[in-house]
N, C-alpha and C. Protein backbone atom coordinates (compact mmCIF):
# COMPACT_ATOMS: atom_id res chain seq x y z
N MET A 1 2.53 -16.38 -26.64
CA MET A 1 2.53 -16.04 -25.29
C MET A 1 2.26 -17.03 -24.43
N SER A 2 2.07 -18.33 -24.74
CA SER A 2 1.69 -19.30 -23.92
C SER A 2 2.63 -19.81 -22.92
N ARG A 3 3.92 -19.49 -23.23
CA ARG A 3 5.09 -20.06 -22.41
C ARG A 3 5.68 -18.80 -21.81
N SER A 4 4.96 -17.72 -21.50
CA SER A 4 5.70 -16.55 -20.80
C SER A 4 5.78 -16.64 -19.53
N PHE A 5 7.03 -16.10 -19.08
CA PHE A 5 7.39 -16.22 -17.66
C PHE A 5 7.39 -14.83 -16.98
N LYS A 6 7.19 -14.77 -15.75
CA LYS A 6 7.35 -13.45 -15.05
C LYS A 6 8.72 -13.16 -15.11
N LYS A 7 9.11 -11.82 -15.08
CA LYS A 7 10.51 -11.30 -15.17
C LYS A 7 11.16 -11.56 -13.71
N ASN A 8 10.38 -11.08 -12.75
CA ASN A 8 10.83 -11.33 -11.40
C ASN A 8 9.74 -12.33 -10.72
N PRO A 9 10.16 -13.51 -10.36
CA PRO A 9 9.13 -14.42 -9.87
C PRO A 9 8.83 -14.29 -8.36
N TYR A 10 8.17 -13.09 -8.12
CA TYR A 10 7.81 -12.82 -6.67
C TYR A 10 6.13 -12.97 -6.58
N GLY A 11 5.67 -13.20 -5.62
CA GLY A 11 4.13 -13.17 -5.33
C GLY A 11 3.78 -12.79 -3.82
N GLY A 12 2.55 -12.75 -3.82
CA GLY A 12 1.98 -12.50 -2.39
C GLY A 12 1.99 -13.69 -1.67
N ILE A 13 2.11 -13.48 -0.15
CA ILE A 13 2.20 -14.56 0.72
C ILE A 13 0.88 -15.19 0.88
N THR A 14 -0.19 -14.24 1.19
CA THR A 14 -1.57 -14.83 1.44
C THR A 14 -2.25 -15.05 0.05
N THR A 15 -3.60 -15.47 0.25
CA THR A 15 -4.36 -15.77 -0.94
C THR A 15 -5.10 -14.46 -1.40
N ALA A 16 -4.81 -13.33 -0.80
CA ALA A 16 -5.58 -12.09 -1.33
C ALA A 16 -5.04 -11.70 -2.49
N ARG A 17 -5.77 -11.40 -3.49
CA ARG A 17 -5.42 -11.23 -4.95
C ARG A 17 -4.84 -9.62 -5.00
N SER A 18 -5.46 -8.87 -4.23
CA SER A 18 -4.94 -7.53 -4.42
C SER A 18 -5.13 -6.70 -3.11
N GLU A 19 -4.36 -5.52 -3.06
CA GLU A 19 -4.48 -4.71 -1.88
C GLU A 19 -5.16 -3.31 -2.14
N LYS A 20 -5.80 -3.30 -3.35
CA LYS A 20 -6.53 -2.14 -3.82
C LYS A 20 -7.30 -1.52 -2.86
N ARG A 21 -8.24 -2.34 -2.10
CA ARG A 21 -9.16 -1.82 -1.21
C ARG A 21 -8.36 -1.17 -0.03
N ASP A 22 -7.50 -1.81 0.38
CA ASP A 22 -6.71 -1.28 1.59
C ASP A 22 -5.96 0.06 1.29
N LYS A 23 -5.44 0.13 -0.05
CA LYS A 23 -4.63 1.21 -0.42
C LYS A 23 -5.59 2.38 -0.50
N ARG A 24 -6.84 2.05 -1.08
CA ARG A 24 -7.81 3.23 -1.22
C ARG A 24 -8.17 3.84 0.28
N ILE A 25 -8.35 2.99 1.17
CA ILE A 25 -8.77 3.37 2.52
C ILE A 25 -7.61 4.24 3.10
N ALA A 26 -6.29 3.68 2.92
CA ALA A 26 -5.13 4.42 3.44
C ALA A 26 -4.98 5.81 2.92
N ASN A 27 -5.23 6.02 1.60
CA ASN A 27 -5.14 7.22 0.84
C ASN A 27 -6.22 8.16 1.25
N ARG A 28 -7.38 7.70 1.52
CA ARG A 28 -8.59 8.38 2.17
C ARG A 28 -8.19 9.10 3.37
N ARG A 29 -7.60 8.03 4.30
CA ARG A 29 -7.33 8.71 5.72
C ARG A 29 -6.20 9.64 5.51
N LEU A 30 -5.36 9.57 4.68
CA LEU A 30 -4.15 10.58 4.41
C LEU A 30 -4.80 11.97 4.05
N ARG A 31 -5.74 11.77 2.97
CA ARG A 31 -6.41 13.05 2.54
C ARG A 31 -7.20 13.72 3.56
N THR A 32 -7.90 13.03 4.47
CA THR A 32 -8.56 13.50 5.45
C THR A 32 -7.85 14.24 6.49
N VAL A 33 -6.81 13.55 6.87
CA VAL A 33 -5.82 14.23 7.96
C VAL A 33 -5.26 15.44 7.38
N THR A 34 -4.99 15.33 6.17
CA THR A 34 -4.19 16.50 5.45
C THR A 34 -5.19 17.74 5.15
N HIS A 35 -6.52 17.39 4.91
CA HIS A 35 -7.61 18.39 4.90
C HIS A 35 -7.78 19.03 6.17
N ILE A 36 -7.76 18.27 7.22
CA ILE A 36 -8.12 18.79 8.57
C ILE A 36 -6.90 19.78 8.95
N LEU A 37 -5.58 19.17 8.71
CA LEU A 37 -4.41 20.13 8.92
C LEU A 37 -4.41 21.43 8.14
N MET A 38 -4.93 21.24 6.91
CA MET A 38 -4.77 22.57 6.02
C MET A 38 -5.81 23.53 6.65
N LYS A 39 -7.05 23.18 7.21
CA LYS A 39 -7.99 24.02 7.81
C LYS A 39 -7.33 24.68 8.96
N GLU A 40 -6.50 23.96 9.86
CA GLU A 40 -6.03 24.48 10.95
C GLU A 40 -4.98 25.42 10.77
N ILE A 41 -4.33 25.15 9.57
CA ILE A 41 -3.28 26.29 9.18
C ILE A 41 -3.89 27.48 8.65
N THR A 42 -4.91 27.51 8.02
CA THR A 42 -5.62 28.45 7.45
C THR A 42 -6.22 29.48 8.58
N GLU A 43 -6.49 28.87 9.78
CA GLU A 43 -7.05 29.47 11.02
C GLU A 43 -6.00 29.99 11.79
N GLY A 44 -4.73 29.74 11.44
CA GLY A 44 -3.53 30.22 12.32
C GLY A 44 -2.87 29.50 13.05
N ALA A 45 -3.07 28.25 13.03
CA ALA A 45 -2.37 27.13 13.79
C ALA A 45 -1.07 27.12 13.31
N ASN A 46 -0.13 26.77 14.16
CA ASN A 46 1.44 26.51 13.68
C ASN A 46 1.73 25.01 13.72
N ILE A 47 1.66 24.50 12.42
CA ILE A 47 1.79 22.98 12.39
C ILE A 47 3.10 22.97 11.63
N GLU A 48 4.12 22.14 11.89
CA GLU A 48 5.31 22.00 11.53
C GLU A 48 5.42 20.84 10.62
N HIS A 49 4.65 19.77 10.79
CA HIS A 49 4.64 18.45 10.14
C HIS A 49 3.57 17.99 9.33
N VAL A 50 3.51 17.79 8.14
CA VAL A 50 2.46 17.06 7.49
C VAL A 50 2.58 15.54 7.44
N PRO A 51 1.78 14.81 7.87
CA PRO A 51 2.04 13.23 7.89
C PRO A 51 2.25 12.58 6.64
N ASP A 52 3.03 11.72 6.66
CA ASP A 52 3.24 10.73 5.60
C ASP A 52 2.17 9.66 5.60
N ILE A 53 2.04 8.90 4.41
CA ILE A 53 0.97 7.82 4.53
C ILE A 53 1.30 6.70 5.28
N LYS A 54 2.50 6.44 5.64
CA LYS A 54 2.90 5.44 6.52
C LYS A 54 2.65 5.67 7.99
N GLU A 55 2.65 7.06 8.28
CA GLU A 55 2.38 7.63 9.73
C GLU A 55 0.83 7.52 9.85
N VAL A 56 -0.08 7.49 8.82
CA VAL A 56 -1.45 7.58 9.01
C VAL A 56 -2.04 5.98 8.95
N SER A 57 -1.41 5.29 8.18
CA SER A 57 -2.05 3.76 8.08
C SER A 57 -0.74 2.83 8.29
N ASN A 58 -1.36 1.53 8.74
CA ASN A 58 -0.25 0.58 9.05
C ASN A 58 -0.38 -0.44 7.98
N VAL A 59 0.87 -0.50 7.27
CA VAL A 59 1.05 -1.50 6.19
C VAL A 59 0.79 -2.95 6.62
N ARG A 60 1.10 -3.20 7.69
CA ARG A 60 0.90 -4.40 8.23
C ARG A 60 -0.61 -5.06 8.53
N ASP A 61 -1.39 -4.14 8.36
CA ASP A 61 -2.84 -4.54 8.44
C ASP A 61 -3.49 -4.80 7.06
N PHE A 62 -2.73 -4.48 5.91
CA PHE A 62 -3.21 -4.84 4.74
C PHE A 62 -3.42 -6.44 4.52
N ASP A 63 -4.14 -6.67 3.41
CA ASP A 63 -4.61 -8.00 3.30
C ASP A 63 -3.21 -8.97 3.01
N LYS A 64 -2.39 -8.59 2.19
CA LYS A 64 -1.29 -9.25 1.83
C LYS A 64 -0.24 -9.02 3.05
N ASP A 65 0.57 -10.14 3.26
CA ASP A 65 1.64 -10.00 4.45
C ASP A 65 3.13 -9.75 3.74
N GLY A 66 3.29 -9.30 2.73
CA GLY A 66 4.43 -9.19 2.12
C GLY A 66 4.60 -9.98 0.81
N LYS A 67 5.78 -10.22 0.32
CA LYS A 67 6.10 -11.00 -0.82
C LYS A 67 7.00 -12.13 -0.64
N ILE A 68 7.10 -13.09 -1.55
CA ILE A 68 7.93 -14.21 -1.51
C ILE A 68 8.53 -14.47 -2.75
N PHE A 69 9.63 -15.07 -2.78
CA PHE A 69 10.32 -15.38 -4.07
C PHE A 69 10.02 -16.74 -4.45
N TYR A 70 9.60 -17.08 -5.63
CA TYR A 70 9.19 -18.47 -6.07
C TYR A 70 10.38 -19.02 -6.78
N SER A 71 11.22 -20.04 -6.23
CA SER A 71 12.27 -20.50 -6.80
C SER A 71 11.97 -21.66 -7.68
N ASP A 72 10.63 -22.18 -7.79
CA ASP A 72 10.45 -23.26 -8.63
C ASP A 72 9.73 -22.63 -10.00
N GLU A 73 10.18 -23.17 -11.03
CA GLU A 73 9.56 -22.50 -12.38
C GLU A 73 7.96 -22.52 -12.44
N LYS A 74 7.52 -23.73 -11.93
CA LYS A 74 6.16 -23.89 -12.03
C LYS A 74 5.29 -22.88 -11.45
N PHE A 75 5.66 -22.28 -10.32
CA PHE A 75 5.11 -21.18 -9.82
C PHE A 75 5.20 -19.91 -10.31
N SER A 76 6.24 -19.62 -11.07
CA SER A 76 6.61 -18.26 -11.62
C SER A 76 5.90 -18.08 -12.88
N ARG A 77 5.08 -19.05 -13.46
CA ARG A 77 4.47 -18.71 -14.66
C ARG A 77 3.48 -17.68 -14.45
N LYS A 78 3.06 -16.95 -15.49
CA LYS A 78 2.08 -15.96 -15.54
C LYS A 78 0.70 -16.48 -15.49
């Protein structure tokens, strides 16, 4: 496997290795908001919309700023 290549040569734009911490925080916010809304529903409030994760957190605040396509073979190595 010493000469294996990525199937799709895409990678993150910044030097951040992972967005795991950001995703955990975003999901925690979503669970908190959903929990509060469920309490209000049980108390008799009329709520028509449960938020989506994109409405609770901003993806642009995450460490990586998107993905880029590597056209050069040297950068697409695993």
